[in-house]
PDB file of N, CA and C in Angstrom:
ATOM      1  N   MET A   1      -8.176 -17.762  32.483  1.00  0.00           N
ATOM      2  CA  MET A   1      -9.076 -17.633  31.806  1.00  0.00           C
ATOM      3  C   MET A   1      -8.315 -18.791  30.993  1.00  0.00           C
ATOM      4  N   LYS A   2      -9.472 -19.426  30.406  1.00  0.00           N
ATOM      5  CA  LYS A   2      -8.878 -20.519  29.242  1.00  0.00           C
ATOM      6  C   LYS A   2      -8.532 -20.716  28.358  1.00  0.00           C
ATOM      7  N   ASN A   3      -7.482 -20.980  27.770  1.00  0.00           N
ATOM      8  CA  ASN A   3      -7.004 -21.173  26.659  1.00  0.00           C
ATOM      9  C   ASN A   3      -7.602 -21.294  25.355  1.00  0.00           C
ATOM     10  N   PHE A   4      -8.682 -21.954  25.126  1.00  0.00           N
ATOM     11  CA  PHE A   4      -9.761 -21.625  24.175  1.00  0.00           C
ATOM     12  C   PHE A   4     -10.316 -20.330  24.125  1.00  0.00           C
ATOM     13  N   LYS A   5     -10.273 -19.762  25.050  1.00  0.00           N
ATOM     14  CA  LYS A   5     -11.161 -18.299  24.999  1.00  0.00           C
ATOM     15  C   LYS A   5     -10.283 -17.618  24.922  1.00  0.00           C
ATOM     16  N   LEU A   6      -9.448 -17.458  25.302  1.00  0.00           N
ATOM     17  CA  LEU A   6      -8.388 -16.574  24.575  1.00  0.00           C
ATOM     18  C   LEU A   6      -7.889 -16.249  23.428  1.00  0.00           C
ATOM     19  N   MET A   7      -7.985 -17.815  22.628  1.00  0.00           N
ATOM     20  CA  MET A   7      -8.135 -18.043  21.411  1.00  0.00           C
ATOM     21  C   MET A   7      -9.093 -17.382  20.294  1.00  0.00           C
ATOM     22  N   ALA A   8     -10.274 -17.816  21.249  1.00  0.00           N
ATOM     23  CA  ALA A   8     -11.329 -16.939  20.425  1.00  0.00           C
ATOM     24  C   ALA A   8     -11.446 -15.434  20.779  1.00  0.00           C
ATOM     25  N   ILE A   9     -11.351 -15.320  21.188  1.00  0.00           N
ATOM     26  CA  ILE A   9     -11.346 -13.567  21.956  1.00  0.00           C
ATOM     27  C   ILE A   9      -9.938 -13.060  21.014  1.00  0.00           C
ATOM     28  N   SER A  10      -8.938 -13.471  20.854  1.00  0.00           N
ATOM     29  CA  SER A  10      -7.924 -13.095  19.859  1.00  0.00           C
ATOM     30  C   SER A  10      -7.966 -13.015  18.674  1.00  0.00           C
ATOM     31  N   LEU A  11      -8.774 -14.143  17.938  1.00  0.00           N
ATOM     32  CA  LEU A  11      -9.158 -14.200  16.324  1.00  0.00           C
ATOM     33  C   LEU A  11     -10.466 -12.936  16.302  1.00  0.00           C
ATOM     34  N   ILE A  12     -11.090 -12.886  17.269  1.00  0.00           N
ATOM     35  CA  ILE A  12     -12.299 -11.948  16.924  1.00  0.00           C
ATOM     36  C   ILE A  12     -11.268 -10.471  16.751  1.00  0.00           C
ATOM     37  N   GLN A  13     -10.611  -9.948  17.889  1.00  0.00           N
ATOM     38  CA  GLN A  13      -9.836  -8.796  17.926  1.00  0.00           C
ATOM     39  C   GLN A  13      -9.155  -9.142  16.288  1.00  0.00           C
ATOM     40  N   ALA A  14      -8.717  -9.939  15.993  1.00  0.00           N
ATOM     41  CA  ALA A  14      -7.300  -9.957  14.537  1.00  0.00           C
ATOM     42  C   ALA A  14      -8.416  -9.306  13.622  1.00  0.00           C
ATOM     43  N   LEU A  15      -9.682  -9.946  13.598  1.00  0.00           N
ATOM     44  CA  LEU A  15     -10.736  -9.946  12.062  1.00  0.00           C
ATOM     45  C   LEU A  15     -10.894  -8.766  12.657  1.00  0.00           C
ATOM     46  N   ALA A  16     -11.870  -8.297  13.387  1.00  0.00           N
ATOM     47  CA  ALA A  16     -12.170  -7.064  13.696  1.00  0.00           C
ATOM     48  C   ALA A  16     -10.969  -5.644  13.349  1.00  0.00           C
ATOM     49  N   ALA A  17      -9.809  -5.986  13.274  1.00  0.00           N
ATOM     50  CA  ALA A  17      -8.968  -5.208  13.077  1.00  0.00           C
ATOM     51  C   ALA A  17      -8.990  -5.210  11.692  1.00  0.00           C
ATOM     52  N   SER A  18      -8.911  -6.516  10.943  1.00  0.00           N
ATOM     53  CA  SER A  18      -8.571  -6.665   9.441  1.00  0.00           C
ATOM     54  C   SER A  18     -10.196  -6.197   8.802  1.00  0.00           C
ATOM     55  N   LEU A  19     -10.888  -6.178   8.977  1.00  0.00           N
ATOM     56  CA  LEU A  19     -11.921  -5.563   8.540  1.00  0.00           C
ATOM     57  C   LEU A  19     -11.982  -4.054   8.658  1.00  0.00           C
ATOM     58  N   TYR A  20     -11.336  -3.419   9.600  1.00  0.00           N
ATOM     59  CA  TYR A  20     -11.755  -2.125   9.869  1.00  0.00           C
ATOM     60  C   TYR A  20     -10.581  -1.859   8.746  1.00  0.00           C
ATOM     61  N   ILE A  21      -9.406  -2.198   9.190  1.00  0.00           N
ATOM     62  CA  ILE A  21      -8.098  -1.872   7.875  1.00  0.00           C
ATOM     63  C   ILE A  21      -8.536  -2.187   6.632  1.00  0.00           C
ATOM     64  N   ALA A  22      -9.410  -3.341   6.073  1.00  0.00           N
ATOM     65  CA  ALA A  22     -10.063  -3.006   4.968  1.00  0.00           C
ATOM     66  C   ALA A  22     -11.103  -1.983   4.787  1.00  0.00           C
ATOM     67  N   ALA A  23     -12.127  -1.584   5.563  1.00  0.00           N
ATOM     68  CA  ALA A  23     -13.134  -0.938   4.869  1.00  0.00           C
ATOM     69  C   ALA A  23     -12.096   0.436   4.561  1.00  0.00           C
ATOM     70  N   ILE A  24     -11.240   0.720   5.689  1.00  0.00           N
ATOM     71  CA  ILE A  24     -10.468   2.418   5.126  1.00  0.00           C
ATOM     72  C   ILE A  24      -9.541   2.058   4.394  1.00  0.00           C
ATOM     73  N   SER A  25      -9.088   0.778   3.926  1.00  0.00           N
ATOM     74  CA  SER A  25      -8.256   0.415   2.666  1.00  0.00           C
ATOM     75  C   SER A  25      -9.258   1.254   1.296  1.00  0.00           C
ATOM     76  N   TRP A  26     -10.381   0.173   1.545  1.00  0.00           N
ATOM     77  CA  TRP A  26     -11.797   0.846   0.161  1.00  0.00           C
ATOM     78  C   TRP A  26     -12.015   2.355   0.376  1.00  0.00           C
ATOM     79  N   ILE A  27     -11.862   2.507   1.076  1.00  0.00           N
ATOM     80  CA  ILE A  27     -12.288   4.017   1.068  1.00  0.00           C
ATOM     81  C   ILE A  27     -11.027   5.001   0.768  1.00  0.00           C
ATOM     82  N   LEU A  28      -9.773   4.303   1.108  1.00  0.00           N
ATOM     83  CA  LEU A  28      -9.128   5.419   0.385  1.00  0.00           C
ATOM     84  C   LEU A  28      -8.696   5.147  -1.224  1.00  0.00           C
ATOM     85  N   ASN A  29      -9.435   3.647  -1.414  1.00  0.00           N
ATOM     86  CA  ASN A  29      -8.730   3.255  -2.922  1.00  0.00           C
ATOM     87  C   ASN A  29      -9.381   4.224  -3.924  1.00  0.00           C
ATOM     88  N   ASN A  30     -11.093   4.347  -2.938  1.00  0.00           N
ATOM     89  CA  ASN A  30     -12.162   4.648  -3.646  1.00  0.00           C
ATOM     90  C   ASN A  30     -12.476   6.659  -2.951  1.00  0.00           C
ATOM     91  N   GLY A  31     -11.368   6.828  -3.058  1.00  0.00           N
ATOM     92  CA  GLY A  31     -11.780   8.602  -2.294  1.00  0.00           C
ATOM     93  C   GLY A  31     -11.987   9.483  -3.483  1.00  0.00           C
ATOM     94  N   GLU A  32     -11.171   9.489  -4.191  1.00  0.00           N
ATOM     95  CA  GLU A  32     -11.542  10.356  -5.294  1.00  0.00           C
ATOM     96  C   GLU A  32     -13.072  10.191  -5.841  1.00  0.00           C
ATOM     97  N   ARG A  33     -13.258   8.876  -5.991  1.00  0.00           N
ATOM     98  CA  ARG A  33     -14.778   8.636  -6.690  1.00  0.00           C
ATOM     99  C   ARG A  33     -15.588   9.234  -5.910  1.00  0.00           C
ATOM    100  N   LEU A  34     -15.628   8.973  -4.134  1.00  0.00           N
ATOM    101  CA  LEU A  34     -16.098   9.363  -3.292  1.00  0.00           C
ATOM    102  C   LEU A  34     -16.813  10.651  -3.240  1.00  0.00           C
ATOM    103  N   PHE A  35     -14.971  11.495  -3.047  1.00  0.00           N
ATOM    104  CA  PHE A  35     -15.488  12.581  -2.713  1.00  0.00           C
ATOM    105  C   PHE A  35     -14.939  13.460  -3.796  1.00  0.00           C
ATOM    106  N   GLY A  36     -14.078  13.381  -4.642  1.00  0.00           N
ATOM    107  CA  GLY A  36     -13.693  14.233  -5.781  1.00  0.00           C
ATOM    108  C   GLY A  36     -12.807  14.458  -5.642  1.00  0.00           C
ATOM    109  N   LYS A  37     -12.065  14.976  -6.665  1.00  0.00           N
ATOM    110  CA  LYS A  37     -10.334  15.314  -6.730  1.00  0.00           C
ATOM    111  C   LYS A  37     -10.350  16.753  -5.479  1.00  0.00           C
ATOM    112  N   ASN A  38      -9.470  16.422  -4.515  1.00  0.00           N
ATOM    113  CA  ASN A  38      -9.415  17.020  -3.364  1.00  0.00           C
ATOM    114  C   ASN A  38      -8.312  17.773  -3.266  1.00  0.00           C
ATOM    115  N   ASN A  39      -7.546  18.662  -3.655  1.00  0.00           N
ATOM    116  CA  ASN A  39      -6.228  19.001  -3.420  1.00  0.00           C
ATOM    117  C   ASN A  39      -5.663  20.623  -2.504  1.00  0.00           C
ATOM    118  N   ASN A  40      -6.551  20.435  -1.632  1.00  0.00           N
ATOM    119  CA  ASN A  40      -6.493  21.827  -0.745  1.00  0.00           C
ATOM    120  C   ASN A  40      -6.656  21.253   0.744  1.00  0.00           C
ATOM    121  N   PHE A  41      -6.565  22.063   1.536  1.00  0.00           N
ATOM    122  CA  PHE A  41      -6.211  21.979   2.970  1.00  0.00           C
ATOM    123  C   PHE A  41      -6.830  21.246   3.930  1.00  0.00           C
ATOM    124  N   LEU A  42      -8.230  21.102   3.277  1.00  0.00           N
ATOM    125  CA  LEU A  42      -9.269  20.169   4.071  1.00  0.00           C
ATOM    126  C   LEU A  42      -8.848  18.384   3.842  1.00  0.00           C
ATOM    127  N   GLY A  43      -8.775  18.386   2.599  1.00  0.00           N
ATOM    128  CA  GLY A  43      -8.295  16.639   2.265  1.00  0.00           C
ATOM    129  C   GLY A  43      -7.338  16.326   3.024  1.00  0.00           C
ATOM    130  N   GLY A  44      -6.134  17.393   3.079  1.00  0.00           N
ATOM    131  CA  GLY A  44      -4.973  16.900   4.059  1.00  0.00           C
ATOM    132  C   GLY A  44      -5.336  16.908   5.402  1.00  0.00           C
ATOM    133  N   ALA A  45      -6.419  17.956   5.679  1.00  0.00           N
ATOM    134  CA  ALA A  45      -7.011  17.611   7.478  1.00  0.00           C
ATOM    135  C   ALA A  45      -7.695  16.204   7.528  1.00  0.00           C
ATOM    136  N   ALA A  46      -8.481  16.438   6.472  1.00  0.00           N
ATOM    137  CA  ALA A  46      -9.104  14.863   6.498  1.00  0.00           C
ATOM    138  C   ALA A  46      -8.356  13.572   6.670  1.00  0.00           C
ATOM    139  N   ILE A  47      -7.401  13.608   5.901  1.00  0.00           N
ATOM    140  CA  ILE A  47      -6.192  12.073   6.086  1.00  0.00           C
ATOM    141  C   ILE A  47      -5.782  11.892   7.684  1.00  0.00           C
ATOM    142  N   LEU A  48      -5.214  13.087   7.836  1.00  0.00           N
ATOM    143  CA  LEU A  48      -4.150  12.914   9.142  1.00  0.00           C
ATOM    144  C   LEU A  48      -5.396  12.960  10.428  1.00  0.00           C
ATOM    145  N   LEU A  49      -6.926  13.667  10.255  1.00  0.00           N
ATOM    146  CA  LEU A  49      -7.722  13.122  11.150  1.00  0.00           C
ATOM    147  C   LEU A  49      -8.207  11.168  11.197  1.00  0.00           C
ATOM    148  N   LEU A  50      -8.313  11.410   9.933  1.00  0.00           N
ATOM    149  CA  LEU A  50      -8.570   9.445   9.618  1.00  0.00           C
ATOM    150  C   LEU A  50      -7.170   8.808  10.138  1.00  0.00           C
ATOM    151  N   LEU A  51      -5.807   8.980  10.056  1.00  0.00           N
ATOM    152  CA  LEU A  51      -4.683   8.622  10.332  1.00  0.00           C
ATOM    153  C   LEU A  51      -5.007   8.381  12.322  1.00  0.00           C
ATOM    154  N   VAL A  52      -5.416   9.651  12.899  1.00  0.00           N
ATOM    155  CA  VAL A  52      -5.393   9.737  14.055  1.00  0.00           C
ATOM    156  C   VAL A  52      -6.959   9.061  14.946  1.00  0.00           C
ATOM    157  N   ILE A  53      -8.396   8.633  13.906  1.00  0.00           N
ATOM    158  CA  ILE A  53      -9.139   7.811  14.563  1.00  0.00           C
ATOM    159  C   ILE A  53      -8.232   6.276  14.259  1.00  0.00           C
ATOM    160  N   SER A  54      -7.828   6.021  12.969  1.00  0.00           N
ATOM    161  CA  SER A  54      -7.543   4.574  13.095  1.00  0.00           C
ATOM    162  C   SER A  54      -6.656   4.625  14.086  1.00  0.00           C
ATOM    163  N   ALA A  55      -5.341   4.842  14.352  1.00  0.00           N
ATOM    164  CA  ALA A  55      -4.474   4.347  15.976  1.00  0.00           C
ATOM    165  C   ALA A  55      -5.609   4.372  16.391  1.00  0.00           C
ATOM    166  N   THR A  56      -6.975   5.308  17.028  1.00  0.00           N
ATOM    167  CA  THR A  56      -7.030   4.959  18.283  1.00  0.00           C
ATOM    168  C   THR A  56      -7.927   3.575  18.072  1.00  0.00           C
ATOM    169  N   ALA A  57      -8.739   3.732  16.940  1.00  0.00           N
ATOM    170  CA  ALA A  57      -9.762   2.420  16.778  1.00  0.00           C
ATOM    171  C   ALA A  57      -8.633   0.896  16.724  1.00  0.00           C
ATOM    172  N   MET A  58      -7.640   0.801  16.674  1.00  0.00           N
ATOM    173  CA  MET A  58      -6.667  -0.141  16.825  1.00  0.00           C
ATOM    174  C   MET A  58      -6.083  -0.199  17.558  1.00  0.00           C
ATOM    175  N   GLY A  59      -5.944   0.743  18.370  1.00  0.00           N
ATOM    176  CA  GLY A  59      -5.332   0.815  19.908  1.00  0.00           C
ATOM    177  C   GLY A  59      -6.908   0.178  20.783  1.00  0.00           C
ATOM    178  N   ALA A  60      -7.494   0.609  20.570  1.00  0.00           N
ATOM    179  CA  ALA A  60      -8.899   0.164  21.488  1.00  0.00           C
ATOM    180  C   ALA A  60      -9.483  -1.325  21.089  1.00  0.00           C
ATOM    181  N   ILE A  61      -9.161  -1.910  19.762  1.00  0.00           N
ATOM    182  CA  ILE A  61      -9.613  -2.964  19.410  1.00  0.00           C
ATOM    183  C   ILE A  61      -8.525  -3.734  19.839  1.00  0.00           C
ATOM    184  N   ILE A  62      -7.019  -3.701  19.760  1.00  0.00           N
ATOM    185  CA  ILE A  62      -6.096  -4.807  19.585  1.00  0.00           C
ATOM    186  C   ILE A  62      -5.469  -4.592  21.778  1.00  0.00           C
ATOM    187  N   LEU A  63      -5.936  -3.344  22.029  1.00  0.00           N
ATOM    188  CA  LEU A  63      -5.210  -3.267  23.152  1.00  0.00           C
ATOM    189  C   LEU A  63      -6.268  -3.100  24.621  1.00  0.00           C
ATOM    190  N   GLY A  64      -7.140  -2.976  24.133  1.00  0.00           N
ATOM    191  CA  GLY A  64      -8.631  -2.554  25.321  1.00  0.00           C
ATOM    192  C   GLY A  64      -8.619  -3.901  26.058  1.00  0.00           C
ATOM    193  N   LYS A  65      -9.237  -5.224  25.471  1.00  0.00           N
ATOM    194  CA  LYS A  65      -9.186  -6.187  26.457  1.00  0.00           C
ATOM    195  C   LYS A  65      -7.869  -6.443  27.192  1.00  0.00           C
ATOM    196  N   PRO A  66      -6.761  -6.569  26.667  1.00  0.00           N
ATOM    197  CA  PRO A  66      -5.646  -6.575  27.654  1.00  0.00           C
ATOM    198  C   PRO A  66      -5.644  -5.995  28.737  1.00  0.00           C
ATOM    199  N   VAL A  67      -5.355  -4.678  28.198  1.00  0.00           N
ATOM    200  CA  VAL A  67      -5.366  -3.655  29.391  1.00  0.00           C
ATOM    201  C   VAL A  67      -6.207  -3.978  30.444  1.00  0.00           C
ATOM    202  N   LEU A  68      -7.397  -4.007  29.981  1.00  0.00           N
ATOM    203  CA  LEU A  68      -8.366  -4.421  31.145  1.00  0.00           C
ATOM    204  C   LEU A  68      -8.204  -5.287  31.798  1.00  0.00           C
ATOM    205  N   MET A  69      -7.414  -6.407  31.276  1.00  0.00           N
ATOM    206  CA  MET A  69      -7.424  -8.237  32.005  1.00  0.00           C
ATOM    207  C   MET A  69      -6.007  -7.549  33.128  1.00  0.00           C
ATOM    208  N   TYR A  70      -5.043  -6.878  32.586  1.00  0.00           N
ATOM    209  CA  TYR A  70      -3.928  -6.452  33.059  1.00  0.00           C
ATOM    210  C   TYR A  70      -4.822  -5.865  34.668  1.00  0.00           C
ATOM    211  N   TRP A  71      -5.177  -4.879  34.283  1.00  0.00           N
ATOM    212  CA  TRP A  71      -5.658  -4.329  35.396  1.00  0.00           C
ATOM    213  C   TRP A  71      -7.013  -5.237  36.441  1.00  0.00           C
ATOM    214  N   ASP A  72      -7.021  -5.756  36.183  1.00  0.00           N
ATOM    215  CA  ASP A  72      -7.791  -6.907  37.118  1.00  0.00           C
ATOM    216  C   ASP A  72      -6.753  -7.881  37.503  1.00  0.00           C
ATOM    217  N   GLY A  73      -5.237  -8.057  37.475  1.00  0.00           N
ATOM    218  CA  GLY A  73      -4.989  -8.742  37.709  1.00  0.00           C
ATOM    219  C   GLY A  73      -4.582  -9.768  37.004  1.00  0.00           C
ATOM    220  N   GLN A  74      -5.301  -9.881  36.046  1.00  0.00           N
ATOM    221  CA  GLN A  74      -4.504 -11.098  35.187  1.00  0.00           C
ATOM    222  C   GLN A  74      -3.554 -10.793  33.790  1.00  0.00           C
ATOM    223  N   LYS A  75      -2.371 -10.984  34.808  1.00  0.00           N
ATOM    224  CA  LYS A  75      -0.916 -10.814  34.110  1.00  0.00           C
ATOM    225  C   LYS A  75      -1.143 -11.234  32.890  1.00  0.00           C
ATOM    226  N   LYS A  76      -0.071 -12.370  33.005  1.00  0.00           N
ATOM    227  CA  LYS A  76      -0.280 -13.378  32.329  1.00  0.00           C
ATOM    228  C   LYS A  76      -1.378 -13.782  31.205  1.00  0.00           C
ATOM    229  N   ALA A  77      -2.751 -13.594  31.559  1.00  0.00           N
ATOM    230  CA  ALA A  77      -3.392 -14.066  30.602  1.00  0.00           C
ATOM    231  C   ALA A  77      -3.591 -12.838  29.779  1.00  0.00           C
ATOM    232  N   SER A  78      -2.926 -11.680  30.218  1.00  0.00           N
ATOM    233  CA  SER A  78      -3.413 -10.044  29.306  1.00  0.00           C
ATOM    234  C   SER A  78      -1.917 -10.656  27.982  1.00  0.00           C
ATOM    235  N   LEU A  79      -0.794 -11.071  28.747  1.00  0.00           N
ATOM    236  CA  LEU A  79       0.269 -10.780  27.996  1.00  0.00           C
ATOM    237  C   LEU A  79      -0.205 -11.627  26.853  1.00  0.00           C
ATOM    238  N   LYS A  80      -0.998 -13.006  27.426  1.00  0.00           N
ATOM    239  CA  LYS A  80      -1.065 -13.741  26.381  1.00  0.00           C
ATOM    240  C   LYS A  80      -1.927 -13.447  24.991  1.00  0.00           C
ATOM    241  N   LEU A  81      -3.064 -12.939  25.532  1.00  0.00           N
ATOM    242  CA  LEU A  81      -4.243 -12.564  24.457  1.00  0.00           C
ATOM    243  C   LEU A  81      -3.220 -11.412  23.444  1.00  0.00           C
ATOM    244  N   PHE A  82      -2.730 -10.604  24.055  1.00  0.00           N
ATOM    245  CA  PHE A  82      -1.948  -9.379  23.298  1.00  0.00           C
ATOM    246  C   PHE A  82      -0.976 -10.500  21.870  1.00  0.00           C
ATOM    247  N   PHE A  83      -0.183 -11.190  22.577  1.00  0.00           N
ATOM    248  CA  PHE A  83       0.501 -11.945  21.622  1.00  0.00           C
ATOM    249  C   PHE A  83      -0.393 -12.416  20.470  1.00  0.00           C
ATOM    250  N   LEU A  84      -1.543 -13.453  21.239  1.00  0.00           N
ATOM    251  CA  LEU A  84      -2.362 -14.555  20.585  1.00  0.00           C
ATOM    252  C   LEU A  84      -3.025 -13.356  19.038  1.00  0.00           C
ATOM    253  N   THR A  85      -3.305 -12.059  19.415  1.00  0.00           N
ATOM    254  CA  THR A  85      -4.172 -11.450  18.925  1.00  0.00           C
ATOM    255  C   THR A  85      -2.531 -10.591  17.570  1.00  0.00           C
ATOM    256  N   PHE A  86      -1.866 -10.849  18.277  1.00  0.00           N
ATOM    257  CA  PHE A  86      -0.554 -10.418  17.306  1.00  0.00           C
ATOM    258  C   PHE A  86      -0.363 -11.491  16.229  1.00  0.00           C
ATOM    259  N   ILE A  87      -0.096 -12.502  16.828  1.00  0.00           N
ATOM    260  CA  ILE A  87       0.170 -13.786  15.924  1.00  0.00           C
ATOM    261  C   ILE A  87      -0.872 -13.898  14.379  1.00  0.00           C
ATOM    262  N   TRP A  88      -2.288 -14.055  15.305  1.00  0.00           N
ATOM    263  CA  TRP A  88      -3.352 -13.740  14.231  1.00  0.00           C
ATOM    264  C   TRP A  88      -3.230 -12.672  13.150  1.00  0.00           C
ATOM    265  N   LEU A  89      -2.863 -11.411  13.513  1.00  0.00           N
ATOM    266  CA  LEU A  89      -2.831 -10.651  12.612  1.00  0.00           C
ATOM    267  C   LEU A  89      -1.820 -10.655  11.586  1.00  0.00           C
ATOM    268  N   LEU A  90      -0.452 -11.209  11.947  1.00  0.00           N
ATOM    269  CA  LEU A  90       0.632 -12.033  11.081  1.00  0.00           C
ATOM    270  C   LEU A  90      -0.262 -13.150  10.158  1.00  0.00           C
ATOM    271  N   VAL A  91      -1.153 -14.327  11.081  1.00  0.00           N
ATOM    272  CA  VAL A  91      -1.390 -15.047   9.603  1.00  0.00           C
ATOM    273  C   VAL A  91      -2.063 -14.536   8.876  1.00  0.00           C
ATOM    274  N   ILE A  92      -3.202 -13.202   9.055  1.00  0.00           N
ATOM    275  CA  ILE A  92      -3.690 -13.269   7.882  1.00  0.00           C
ATOM    276  C   ILE A  92      -3.274 -12.130   7.052  1.00  0.00           C
ATOM    277  N   ALA A  93      -2.086 -11.218   7.648  1.00  0.00           N
ATOM    278  CA  ALA A  93      -1.354 -10.966   6.873  1.00  0.00           C
ATOM    279  C   ALA A  93      -0.606 -11.736   5.624  1.00  0.00           C
ATOM    280  N   CYS A  94      -0.004 -12.762   6.766  1.00  0.00           N
ATOM    281  CA  CYS A  94       0.239 -13.444   5.572  1.00  0.00           C
ATOM    282  C   CYS A  94      -0.216 -14.584   3.962  1.00  0.00           C
ATOM    283  N   LEU A  95      -1.741 -14.621   4.878  1.00  0.00           N
ATOM    284  CA  LEU A  95      -2.888 -15.333   3.684  1.00  0.00           C
ATOM    285  C   LEU A  95      -2.970 -13.995   2.892  1.00  0.00           C
ATOM    286  N   LEU A  96      -2.976 -12.436   3.162  1.00  0.00           N
ATOM    287  CA  LEU A  96      -2.793 -11.853   2.594  1.00  0.00           C
ATOM    288  C   LEU A  96      -2.321 -11.543   1.441  1.00  0.00           C
ATOM    289  N   PHE A  97      -0.801 -11.640   1.724  1.00  0.00           N
ATOM    290  CA  PHE A  97       0.168 -11.478   1.098  1.00  0.00           C
ATOM    291  C   PHE A  97       0.250 -12.759  -0.218  1.00  0.00           C
ATOM    292  N   LEU A  98      -0.039 -13.863   0.458  1.00  0.00           N
ATOM    293  CA  LEU A  98      -0.201 -15.337  -0.188  1.00  0.00           C
ATOM    294  C   LEU A  98      -0.904 -14.921  -1.333  1.00  0.00           C
ATOM    295  N   VAL A  99      -2.160 -14.608  -0.934  1.00  0.00           N
ATOM    296  CA  VAL A  99      -3.502 -14.201  -2.524  1.00  0.00           C
ATOM    297  C   VAL A  99      -2.559 -13.158  -3.636  1.00  0.00           C
ATOM    298  N   LEU A 100      -1.886 -12.452  -2.858  1.00  0.00           N
ATOM    299  CA  LEU A 100      -1.722 -10.923  -3.528  1.00  0.00           C
ATOM    300  C   LEU A 100      -0.703 -11.911  -4.603  1.00  0.00           C
ATOM    301  N   ALA A 101       0.295 -12.332  -4.270  1.00  0.00           N
ATOM    302  CA  ALA A 101       1.496 -13.261  -4.775  1.00  0.00           C
ATOM    303  C   ALA A 101       0.805 -14.231  -5.894  1.00  0.00           C
ATOM    304  N   LEU A 102       0.204 -14.935  -5.917  1.00  0.00           N
ATOM    305  CA  LEU A 102      -1.006 -15.686  -6.352  1.00  0.00           C
ATOM    306  C   LEU A 102      -1.877 -15.117  -7.675  1.00  0.00           C
ATOM    307  N   ARG A 103      -1.814 -13.941  -7.481  1.00  0.00           N
ATOM    308  CA  ARG A 103      -2.842 -13.060  -8.501  1.00  0.00           C
ATOM    309  C   ARG A 103      -2.319 -13.437  -9.937  1.00  0.00           C
TER     310      ARG A 103
END
């Protein structure tokens, strides 16, 4: 697989993960306003279920394509895609922390 295509796919995966993380962060930040005060069993169960769903979603977004490529015999390209996605996530995290530091 060509390097440009891997770079584009990795950027799309990192942006998709970042958007998902931003959406979950927004829900958690506005949870009391959206769902009311919730200090019972269902609130804890909902948070744990959200954790499991989030882990599954991040696994699918970040690892899905590299695993399929690995199974198709594209071992080097799959590892490169995984690490490129990881690097994009680091870049996005650094930019986020820079924005937070400059506020």
